[in-house]
Amino acid sequence: KQWYQRRVRGIFPRASNLISRQTQFESAACEFLSKYDFDFNKCFYGGVPYLNEKEINDLKSKHAEELNANDIVLNDVKRNFKHRKIEMLKKWTAEGRPGEVLEIDCLSRGMALILLSEIHDQFNDLIAEKPRAEASLLVIRKATLEEKLEYIELKHEKFSREIEKVIGFTHVVRLLKKHKKPIIGHNILMDLLFMYEKFHKPLPESFEDFKHLFHEQFPVIFDTRHITSNIKVELKSDVKYKDLIRGTTLLSLFGECNKNSIKGLLYQPKIEDNLGEAYGMREHNAGYDSCLVGQVFIRLAHFYCLWKNSSPNVKPFHFQDYIREFSNFKNCLNLIRSALSHISLTEPDPENKRPQWLIVASKCNSKINMDHVKHVLSAFGDVNTRKIDDYSCLVALPSIGMAAGLLVEMEDHEKYNVQRYEGENGSVTKILIVSVVGISVVFLSALLLRRTL
């Protein structure tokens, strides 16, 4: 019998001897998380550090630079300064005894690095160190050759330990990439943008480049929101199951997937059920929501496999059976209130099947009241409005059925005329203004938030 367990770990860009980064917080986001009892102290005190691959390479380059700073081209003043200090050290090392210490103020951090590298290259019996608090100060100690070699080895080992520590959670992401493990989320596009930037590399300039580069690293992605929308369409023709899935939000899906109609199915895999209790979490905490997504994916996949394979000789399914049965949904990411229902990381994006925009105009040449328009239209569901002028506005709706119903119901409204918006080439700007949370908006948001946790 299959058994699924979850692991929850917080992450935080921790400071260390190697790196300290600036982190931004949006007050609205903090208030939202506080509303759902997010434990900021646990995040700050116990969060696992992380770096992306560029930051890791930059630290390694910086470490190598400190050991090879003698390759830097110097002007006459700095070259003479270095020559005088080297000649002074030659006299001192000839006269000094092991254990004696000398301090040199190099006047700048750059000159200190250059002299540090030069000492390690030219003197087998000197150990030079740069105290962290004093950027331009070198502390030089007379030593034996064995002590010098041991010091260099220990320095490399110390750097390796420190960088392994600050890499932190990126080790997990590297394993996910190495073993091509599937990534599963709900409305996951923004999460993938952050995941790429925080754990892999800075975001590329174009969204098309992002899709290609992300797919190279993570070839299997599933969005439970996209999966749910498609399964609901497939079940419409099944009398028994057509009303099985009603909601599309993560919490509503979790509730429906844990009803006996799904959870009680044959060969149901076992999943830990104490989702938030052990960690004191609730919805909108990333770890808690991730646990919900995992359960929703497994429950839906198990139901879908049974529904597609209705043989009386059906056997228990394995996780790869779920992946295979969901193959048509792989690498498709849901979009919220966009011109497209979803985008694909591997195929051309689908045709626009969203409903046409509607235009609402005030009757009798009276100025339109946007608050009243929103109130009237809210009876039909979740809509978005944008004022065109004093007498009309555009309306965007999430489904064709809602658009058709609204047109019928509003046909004889006493205050407003409602009709389909016949956009012309000259009206492209107005149409684009009404589009909300589309691909470009999501991508731009991630670019603006590159340095945000």
Protein backbone atom coordinates (compact mmCIF):
# COMPACT_ATOMS: atom_id res chain seq x y z
CA LYS A 1 0.00 0.00 0.00
CA GLN A 2 1.33 3.44 -0.92
CA TRP A 3 2.16 5.82 1.91
CA TYR A 4 2.74 9.54 1.44
CA GLN A 5 4.36 11.76 4.06
CA ARG A 6 5.04 15.47 4.03
CA ARG A 7 8.00 17.51 5.19
CA VAL A 8 7.66 21.22 5.96
CA ARG A 9 10.66 23.54 6.19
CA GLY A 10 10.74 27.32 6.26
CA ILE A 11 13.42 29.20 4.31
CA PHE A 12 15.07 32.54 4.97
CA PRO A 13 18.02 34.38 3.28
CA ARG A 14 20.27 34.11 6.32
CA ALA A 15 23.42 36.19 6.75
CA SER A 16 26.81 34.51 7.12
CA ASN A 17 30.53 35.30 6.95
CA LEU A 18 30.25 34.89 3.18
CA ILE A 19 27.14 36.87 2.31
CA SER A 20 24.47 39.19 3.69
CA ARG A 21 21.55 40.18 1.44
CA GLN A 22 18.89 42.87 1.60
CA THR A 23 15.34 41.58 1.94
CA GLN A 24 12.17 43.56 1.24
CA PHE A 25 8.79 43.10 2.89
CA GLU A 26 5.48 44.35 1.54
CA SER A 27 3.28 45.59 4.37
CA ALA A 28 0.08 44.28 2.74
CA ALA A 29 1.62 40.81 2.40
CA CYS A 30 2.74 40.84 6.05
CA GLU A 31 -0.74 41.85 7.20
CA PHE A 32 -2.31 39.12 5.08
CA LEU A 33 0.01 36.47 6.52
CA SER A 34 -0.57 37.74 10.06
CA LYS A 35 -4.31 37.31 9.52
CA TYR A 36 -3.67 33.61 8.93
CA ASP A 37 -1.32 33.24 11.93
CA PHE A 38 1.91 33.02 9.98
CA ASP A 39 4.78 32.50 12.45
CA PHE A 40 7.37 35.12 11.46
CA ASN A 41 9.60 34.20 14.40
CA LYS A 42 9.81 30.59 13.25
CA CYS A 43 10.73 31.79 9.77
CA PHE A 44 13.42 34.22 11.01
CA TYR A 45 14.93 31.97 13.68
CA GLY A 46 14.61 28.58 12.04
CA GLY A 47 14.44 29.32 8.32
CA VAL A 48 16.82 27.29 6.17
CA PRO A 49 19.18 29.47 4.06
CA TYR A 50 19.37 29.30 0.28
CA LEU A 51 21.31 30.74 -2.68
CA ASN A 52 20.77 30.58 -6.40
CA GLU A 53 23.46 29.17 -8.69
CA LYS A 54 24.72 32.61 -9.73
CA GLU A 55 25.21 33.66 -6.11
CA ILE A 56 27.07 30.40 -5.41
CA ASN A 57 29.38 30.92 -8.39
CA ASP A 58 29.97 34.55 -7.38
CA LEU A 59 31.07 33.48 -3.89
CA LYS A 60 33.43 30.87 -5.31
CA SER A 61 34.87 33.45 -7.71
CA LYS A 62 35.35 35.89 -4.86
CA HIS A 63 37.17 33.23 -2.84
CA ALA A 64 39.42 32.41 -5.80
CA GLU A 65 40.04 36.12 -6.35
CA GLU A 66 41.34 36.49 -2.80
CA LEU A 67 43.86 33.74 -3.51
CA ASN A 68 44.90 35.09 -6.90
CA ALA A 69 44.72 38.86 -6.51
CA ASN A 70 48.33 39.19 -7.74
CA ASP A 71 47.03 39.00 -11.32
CA ILE A 72 45.52 42.49 -10.96
CA VAL A 73 47.26 45.26 -12.95
CA LEU A 74 48.53 47.97 -10.55
CA ASN A 75 49.38 51.62 -11.08
CA ASP A 76 52.81 52.91 -10.11
CA VAL A 77 51.80 54.02 -6.61
CA LYS A 78 50.28 50.66 -5.68
CA ARG A 79 53.07 48.71 -7.34
CA ASN A 80 55.68 50.65 -5.34
CA PHE A 81 53.66 50.16 -2.13
CA LYS A 82 53.53 46.40 -2.73
CA HIS A 83 57.27 46.27 -3.55
CA ARG A 84 58.23 48.13 -0.35
CA LYS A 85 56.09 45.85 1.83
CA ILE A 86 57.45 42.69 0.21
CA GLU A 87 61.05 43.83 0.72
CA MET A 88 60.25 44.67 4.35
CA LEU A 89 58.75 41.18 4.85
CA LYS A 90 61.83 39.52 3.35
CA LYS A 91 64.01 41.19 5.98
CA TRP A 92 61.54 40.43 8.75
CA THR A 93 61.19 36.76 7.89
CA ALA A 94 64.95 36.34 7.71
CA GLU A 95 65.30 37.72 11.22
CA GLY A 96 62.07 36.57 12.83
CA ARG A 97 61.24 33.37 14.67
CA PRO A 98 58.18 31.08 14.29
CA GLY A 99 55.18 32.50 16.13
CA GLU A 100 56.11 36.17 15.83
CA VAL A 101 53.34 38.48 14.50
CA LEU A 102 53.48 41.61 12.32
CA GLU A 103 50.58 43.94 11.38
CA ILE A 104 50.48 45.94 8.12
CA ASP A 105 47.90 48.59 7.23
CA CYS A 106 47.41 48.31 3.46
CA LEU A 107 45.24 51.47 3.30
CA SER A 108 42.47 49.74 1.29
CA ARG A 109 40.72 46.38 1.09
CA GLY A 110 41.87 45.90 -2.52
CA MET A 111 45.53 46.46 -1.64
CA ALA A 112 45.15 44.11 1.33
CA LEU A 113 43.89 41.33 -0.97
CA ILE A 114 46.75 41.90 -3.41
CA LEU A 115 49.39 41.79 -0.69
CA LEU A 116 47.68 38.78 0.94
CA SER A 117 47.89 36.82 -2.31
CA GLU A 118 51.48 37.88 -2.90
CA ILE A 119 52.55 36.73 0.58
CA HIS A 120 50.99 33.30 0.12
CA ASP A 121 52.74 32.90 -3.25
CA GLN A 122 56.22 34.16 -2.29
CA PHE A 123 56.69 33.10 1.34
CA ASN A 124 56.51 29.48 2.46
CA ASP A 125 57.07 30.48 6.07
CA LEU A 126 54.51 33.28 6.43
CA ILE A 127 50.77 33.07 7.10
CA ALA A 128 48.79 36.24 6.34
CA GLU A 129 45.21 36.82 7.46
CA LYS A 130 42.79 39.68 7.08
CA PRO A 131 40.68 40.28 10.21
CA ARG A 132 37.04 40.67 9.25
CA ALA A 133 36.55 43.96 11.13
CA GLU A 134 39.57 45.64 9.53
CA ALA A 135 39.24 45.63 5.74
CA SER A 136 42.70 47.07 5.09
CA LEU A 137 44.65 45.37 7.90
CA LEU A 138 46.84 42.29 7.44
CA VAL A 139 48.07 40.19 10.37
CA ILE A 140 51.16 38.20 9.37
CA ARG A 141 52.57 35.33 11.38
CA LYS A 142 55.94 33.54 11.05
CA ALA A 143 55.36 29.80 10.59
CA THR A 144 56.97 26.58 9.41
CA LEU A 145 56.25 25.15 5.95
CA GLU A 146 54.11 22.39 7.50
CA GLU A 147 52.04 24.99 9.36
CA LYS A 148 51.62 27.01 6.17
CA LEU A 149 50.36 24.00 4.16
CA GLU A 150 48.02 22.98 6.98
CA TYR A 151 46.67 26.54 7.18
CA ILE A 152 45.89 26.66 3.44
CA GLU A 153 44.13 23.30 3.61
CA LEU A 154 42.09 24.36 6.62
CA LYS A 155 41.13 27.62 4.90
CA HIS A 156 39.78 25.73 1.88
CA GLU A 157 37.90 23.33 4.15
CA LYS A 158 36.41 26.22 6.13
CA PHE A 159 35.19 27.90 2.95
CA SER A 160 33.70 24.62 1.70
CA ARG A 161 31.83 24.13 5.00
CA GLU A 162 30.54 27.70 5.04
CA ILE A 163 29.32 27.66 1.46
CA GLU A 164 27.64 24.27 1.93
CA LYS A 165 25.85 25.74 4.93
CA VAL A 166 24.58 28.86 3.15
CA ILE A 167 23.53 26.85 0.06
CA GLY A 168 21.00 25.24 2.41
CA PHE A 169 17.68 24.44 0.76
CA THR A 170 19.21 24.81 -2.69
CA HIS A 171 20.64 21.31 -2.10
CA VAL A 172 17.05 20.00 -2.16
CA VAL A 173 16.25 21.91 -5.36
CA ARG A 174 19.42 20.52 -6.96
CA LEU A 175 18.24 17.01 -6.17
CA LEU A 176 14.84 17.77 -7.69
CA LYS A 177 16.59 18.94 -10.86
CA LYS A 178 19.05 16.04 -10.94
CA HIS A 179 16.37 13.36 -10.60
CA LYS A 180 13.77 15.23 -12.70
CA LYS A 181 11.14 15.03 -9.97
CA PRO A 182 7.68 16.44 -10.77
CA ILE A 183 6.78 19.87 -9.33
CA ILE A 184 3.12 20.22 -8.32
CA GLY A 185 1.25 23.36 -7.31
CA HIS A 186 -2.07 25.21 -7.52
CA ASN A 187 -2.10 28.29 -9.76
CA ILE A 188 1.63 27.72 -9.81
CA LEU A 189 2.98 30.19 -12.38
CA MET A 190 4.13 32.88 -9.93
CA ASP A 191 5.61 30.19 -7.66
CA LEU A 192 7.70 28.86 -10.56
CA LEU A 193 9.02 32.34 -11.35
CA PHE A 194 10.13 32.79 -7.74
CA MET A 195 11.51 29.24 -7.62
CA TYR A 196 13.65 29.85 -10.70
CA GLU A 197 15.00 33.18 -9.44
CA LYS A 198 15.63 32.18 -5.83
CA PHE A 199 17.16 28.73 -6.39
CA HIS A 200 18.48 28.64 -9.96
CA LYS A 201 19.38 31.88 -11.76
CA PRO A 202 18.09 35.44 -12.24
CA LEU A 203 15.03 35.60 -14.47
CA PRO A 204 15.75 35.96 -18.20
CA GLU A 205 14.58 39.00 -20.12
CA SER A 206 11.72 37.31 -21.98
CA PHE A 207 8.93 34.99 -20.89
CA GLU A 208 9.61 32.65 -23.82
CA ASP A 209 13.20 32.26 -22.62
CA PHE A 210 11.94 31.54 -19.12
CA LYS A 211 9.64 28.76 -20.36
CA HIS A 212 12.47 27.09 -22.26
CA LEU A 213 15.07 27.43 -19.51
CA PHE A 214 12.72 26.36 -16.73
CA HIS A 215 11.61 23.27 -18.65
CA GLU A 216 15.26 22.26 -19.11
CA GLN A 217 15.67 22.14 -15.33
CA PHE A 218 12.20 20.91 -14.33
CA PRO A 219 10.68 18.87 -17.16
CA VAL A 220 7.53 17.76 -15.30
CA ILE A 221 5.14 20.36 -13.86
CA PHE A 222 1.51 19.90 -12.82
CA ASP A 223 -0.95 22.65 -11.92
CA THR A 224 -3.90 21.25 -9.94
CA ARG A 225 -6.03 24.26 -10.92
CA HIS A 226 -5.58 23.43 -14.61
CA ILE A 227 -6.11 19.73 -13.96
CA THR A 228 -9.35 20.39 -12.06
CA SER A 229 -10.79 22.61 -14.79
CA ASN A 230 -10.19 19.92 -17.42
CA ILE A 231 -11.49 17.04 -15.31
CA LYS A 232 -14.68 18.99 -14.61
CA VAL A 233 -15.25 19.32 -18.37
CA GLU A 234 -14.65 15.60 -18.91
CA LEU A 235 -17.07 14.63 -16.13
CA LYS A 236 -19.97 16.69 -17.55
CA SER A 237 -21.07 13.71 -19.67
CA ASP A 238 -20.93 11.29 -16.74
CA VAL A 239 -24.25 11.25 -14.88
CA LYS A 240 -22.72 9.67 -11.78
CA TYR A 241 -19.77 12.04 -11.39
CA LYS A 242 -20.78 15.26 -13.18
CA ASP A 243 -21.21 17.11 -9.87
CA LEU A 244 -18.30 15.45 -8.10
CA ILE A 245 -16.04 18.51 -8.29
CA ARG A 246 -17.67 21.90 -7.83
CA GLY A 247 -15.00 24.28 -6.57
CA THR A 248 -11.64 25.27 -8.00
CA THR A 249 -10.01 27.00 -5.02
CA LEU A 250 -7.44 24.96 -3.17
CA LEU A 251 -9.41 24.75 0.09
CA SER A 252 -12.66 23.74 -1.63
CA LEU A 253 -10.84 21.10 -3.68
CA PHE A 254 -9.19 19.73 -0.56
CA GLY A 255 -12.59 19.40 1.10
CA GLU A 256 -14.13 17.67 -1.91
CA CYS A 257 -11.20 15.31 -2.35
CA ASN A 258 -11.57 14.15 1.26
CA LYS A 259 -15.24 13.24 0.94
CA ASN A 260 -16.04 9.53 0.82
CA SER A 261 -16.93 9.78 -2.88
CA ILE A 262 -13.20 10.21 -3.59
CA LYS A 263 -11.34 9.35 -0.38
CA GLY A 264 -13.29 6.10 0.03
CA LEU A 265 -12.40 4.72 -3.41
CA LEU A 266 -10.75 1.33 -3.83
CA TYR A 267 -6.97 1.11 -3.19
CA GLN A 268 -6.85 4.69 -1.92
CA PRO A 269 -3.25 5.60 -0.95
CA LYS A 270 -2.60 6.50 2.69
CA ILE A 271 -1.68 10.12 3.40
CA GLU A 272 -0.89 11.76 6.72
CA ASP A 273 -3.96 13.76 7.72
CA ASN A 274 -2.67 15.99 10.57
CA LEU A 275 -1.67 18.66 8.08
CA GLY A 276 -1.41 21.76 10.19
CA GLU A 277 -1.58 20.50 13.74
CA ALA A 278 2.00 19.34 14.07
CA TYR A 279 3.36 22.67 12.78
CA GLY A 280 0.64 25.01 14.04
CA MET A 281 -0.15 26.14 10.50
CA ARG A 282 -3.28 27.01 8.59
CA GLU A 283 -4.24 28.04 5.04
CA HIS A 284 -2.03 30.49 3.13
CA ASN A 285 1.06 29.30 4.96
CA ALA A 286 3.19 27.97 2.11
CA GLY A 287 3.96 24.67 3.83
CA TYR A 288 0.31 24.08 4.69
CA ASP A 289 -0.89 24.95 1.18
CA SER A 290 1.77 22.66 -0.28
CA CYS A 291 0.41 19.80 1.82
CA LEU A 292 -3.08 20.54 0.53
CA VAL A 293 -1.84 20.55 -3.05
CA GLY A 294 -0.13 17.18 -2.56
CA GLN A 295 -3.31 15.62 -1.20
CA VAL A 296 -5.49 17.13 -3.93
CA PHE A 297 -3.14 15.88 -6.65
CA ILE A 298 -2.98 12.32 -5.29
CA ARG A 299 -6.72 12.07 -4.59
CA LEU A 300 -7.67 13.48 -8.00
CA ALA A 301 -5.12 11.30 -9.79
CA HIS A 302 -6.34 8.17 -8.03
CA PHE A 303 -9.96 8.95 -8.91
CA TYR A 304 -9.00 9.76 -12.51
CA CYS A 305 -7.08 6.49 -12.91
CA LEU A 306 -10.05 4.47 -11.62
CA TRP A 307 -12.48 6.44 -13.78
CA LYS A 308 -10.36 5.93 -16.89
CA ASN A 309 -9.65 2.26 -16.10
CA SER A 310 -13.01 0.85 -15.06
CA SER A 311 -11.95 -2.79 -15.52
CA PRO A 312 -13.18 -5.17 -12.77
CA ASN A 313 -9.61 -6.49 -12.50
CA VAL A 314 -8.10 -3.13 -11.60
CA LYS A 315 -5.00 -3.28 -9.41
CA PRO A 316 -3.48 -0.74 -7.00
CA PHE A 317 -1.89 2.21 -8.77
CA HIS A 318 1.64 3.50 -8.35
CA PHE A 319 2.69 7.14 -8.52
CA GLN A 320 3.98 6.68 -12.08
CA ASP A 321 0.48 5.55 -13.07
CA TYR A 322 -0.84 8.89 -11.85
CA ILE A 323 1.83 10.77 -13.81
CA ARG A 324 1.10 8.79 -16.96
CA GLU A 325 -2.68 9.27 -16.71
CA PHE A 326 -2.24 13.00 -16.18
CA SER A 327 0.18 13.34 -19.11
CA ASN A 328 -2.22 15.54 -21.10
CA PHE A 329 -2.12 18.10 -18.29
CA LYS A 330 1.67 18.09 -17.89
CA ASN A 331 3.52 21.43 -18.14
CA CYS A 332 0.28 23.42 -18.51
CA LEU A 333 -0.10 26.35 -16.11
CA ASN A 334 -3.42 27.98 -15.31
CA LEU A 335 -3.85 31.72 -15.84
CA ILE A 336 -6.28 33.77 -13.78
CA ARG A 337 -8.60 36.11 -15.68
CA SER A 338 -6.29 36.30 -18.65
CA ALA A 339 -7.00 36.17 -22.38
CA LEU A 340 -5.73 32.56 -22.28
CA SER A 341 -6.99 29.83 -19.98
CA HIS A 342 -3.43 28.52 -19.55
CA ILE A 343 0.05 28.53 -21.03
CA SER A 344 2.25 25.58 -21.92
CA LEU A 345 5.95 25.30 -21.08
CA THR A 346 6.58 22.94 -24.00
CA GLU A 347 3.92 23.55 -26.66
CA PRO A 348 2.48 26.62 -28.43
CA ASP A 349 -0.01 28.39 -26.19
CA PRO A 350 -3.69 27.49 -26.80
CA GLU A 351 -6.16 29.62 -28.70
CA ASN A 352 -8.11 32.22 -26.80
CA LYS A 353 -11.35 30.62 -25.58
CA ARG A 354 -12.22 33.24 -23.03
CA PRO A 355 -15.55 35.04 -23.49
CA GLN A 356 -15.71 38.29 -25.40
CA TRP A 357 -15.70 41.47 -23.39
CA LEU A 358 -18.99 43.24 -22.83
CA ILE A 359 -19.64 46.96 -22.91
CA VAL A 360 -22.09 48.53 -20.47
CA ALA A 361 -23.49 51.94 -21.42
CA SER A 362 -25.71 54.23 -19.41
CA LYS A 363 -29.17 54.97 -20.83
CA CYS A 364 -30.63 58.47 -21.24
CA ASN A 365 -27.18 60.07 -21.53
CA SER A 366 -26.71 60.03 -17.76
CA LYS A 367 -23.21 59.53 -16.38
CA ILE A 368 -22.39 55.96 -15.43
CA ASN A 369 -22.05 55.06 -11.76
CA MET A 370 -19.28 52.46 -11.55
CA ASP A 371 -20.15 51.38 -8.01
CA HIS A 372 -23.72 50.73 -9.04
CA VAL A 373 -22.59 48.82 -12.15
CA LYS A 374 -20.38 46.56 -10.03
CA HIS A 375 -23.24 45.99 -7.59
CA VAL A 376 -25.67 45.02 -10.37
CA LEU A 377 -23.21 42.73 -12.15
CA SER A 378 -22.05 41.03 -8.94
CA ALA A 379 -25.30 39.08 -8.98
CA PHE A 380 -23.92 37.14 -11.95
CA GLY A 381 -20.58 36.25 -10.35
CA ASP A 382 -17.03 37.55 -10.23
CA VAL A 383 -16.51 40.26 -12.90
CA ASN A 384 -13.97 42.98 -13.58
CA THR A 385 -14.87 46.43 -14.85
CA ARG A 386 -12.90 49.31 -16.30
CA LYS A 387 -14.35 52.73 -17.11
CA ILE A 388 -14.03 53.87 -20.74
CA ASP A 389 -15.60 57.32 -20.41
CA ASP A 390 -18.32 59.08 -18.41
CA TYR A 391 -21.05 56.99 -20.05
CA SER A 392 -19.66 53.47 -20.55
CA CYS A 393 -17.36 50.77 -19.20
CA LEU A 394 -15.87 47.45 -20.26
CA VAL A 395 -16.63 44.21 -18.43
CA ALA A 396 -14.45 41.07 -18.36
CA LEU A 397 -16.00 37.75 -17.25
CA PRO A 398 -14.43 34.37 -16.42
CA SER A 399 -16.71 32.14 -18.54
CA ILE A 400 -18.68 32.11 -21.78
CA GLY A 401 -21.76 30.84 -19.93
CA MET A 402 -21.69 33.78 -17.53
CA ALA A 403 -21.37 36.23 -20.45
CA ALA A 404 -24.34 34.68 -22.25
CA GLY A 405 -26.47 34.69 -19.11
CA LEU A 406 -25.61 38.29 -18.31
CA LEU A 407 -26.58 39.43 -21.84
CA VAL A 408 -29.98 37.75 -21.55
CA GLU A 409 -30.76 38.99 -18.04
CA MET A 410 -29.64 42.57 -18.73
CA GLU A 411 -31.47 42.90 -22.06
CA ASP A 412 -34.27 45.04 -20.66
CA HIS A 413 -32.45 46.69 -17.76
CA GLU A 414 -33.86 50.11 -16.94
CA LYS A 415 -30.51 51.89 -16.52
CA TYR A 416 -27.97 50.09 -18.72
CA ASN A 417 -27.52 48.80 -22.24
CA VAL A 418 -25.26 45.72 -22.40
CA GLN A 419 -23.78 44.31 -25.60
CA ARG A 420 -20.73 42.46 -26.84
CA TYR A 421 -17.70 44.67 -27.27
CA GLU A 422 -16.72 44.79 -30.92
CA GLY A 423 -13.14 45.97 -30.51
CA GLU A 424 -11.44 47.60 -33.49
CA ASN A 425 -7.74 47.91 -34.18
CA GLY A 426 -7.81 51.39 -32.74
CA SER A 427 -9.20 50.03 -29.44
CA VAL A 428 -6.40 47.61 -28.64
CA THR A 429 -5.15 49.79 -25.80
CA LYS A 430 -8.56 49.81 -24.13
CA ILE A 431 -8.82 46.04 -24.42
CA LEU A 432 -5.39 45.49 -22.93
CA ILE A 433 -6.25 47.73 -19.99
CA VAL A 434 -9.12 45.42 -19.06
CA SER A 435 -7.01 42.26 -19.13
CA VAL A 436 -6.04 41.42 -15.55
CA VAL A 437 -3.30 39.20 -14.22
CA GLY A 438 -2.18 37.92 -17.61
CA ILE A 439 1.21 36.52 -18.53
CA SER A 440 2.98 39.86 -18.90
CA VAL A 441 1.63 41.14 -15.55
CA VAL A 442 2.76 38.03 -13.71
CA PHE A 443 6.20 38.11 -15.32
CA LEU A 444 6.68 41.81 -14.67
CA SER A 445 5.66 41.33 -11.03
CA ALA A 446 8.33 38.68 -10.59
CA LEU A 447 10.94 40.92 -12.19
CA LEU A 448 10.03 43.76 -9.83
CA LEU A 449 10.17 41.42 -6.83
CA ARG A 450 13.53 39.82 -7.61
CA ARG A 451 15.00 40.87 -4.32
CA THR A 452 11.87 40.05 -2.29
CA LEU A 453 11.76 36.95 -0.11
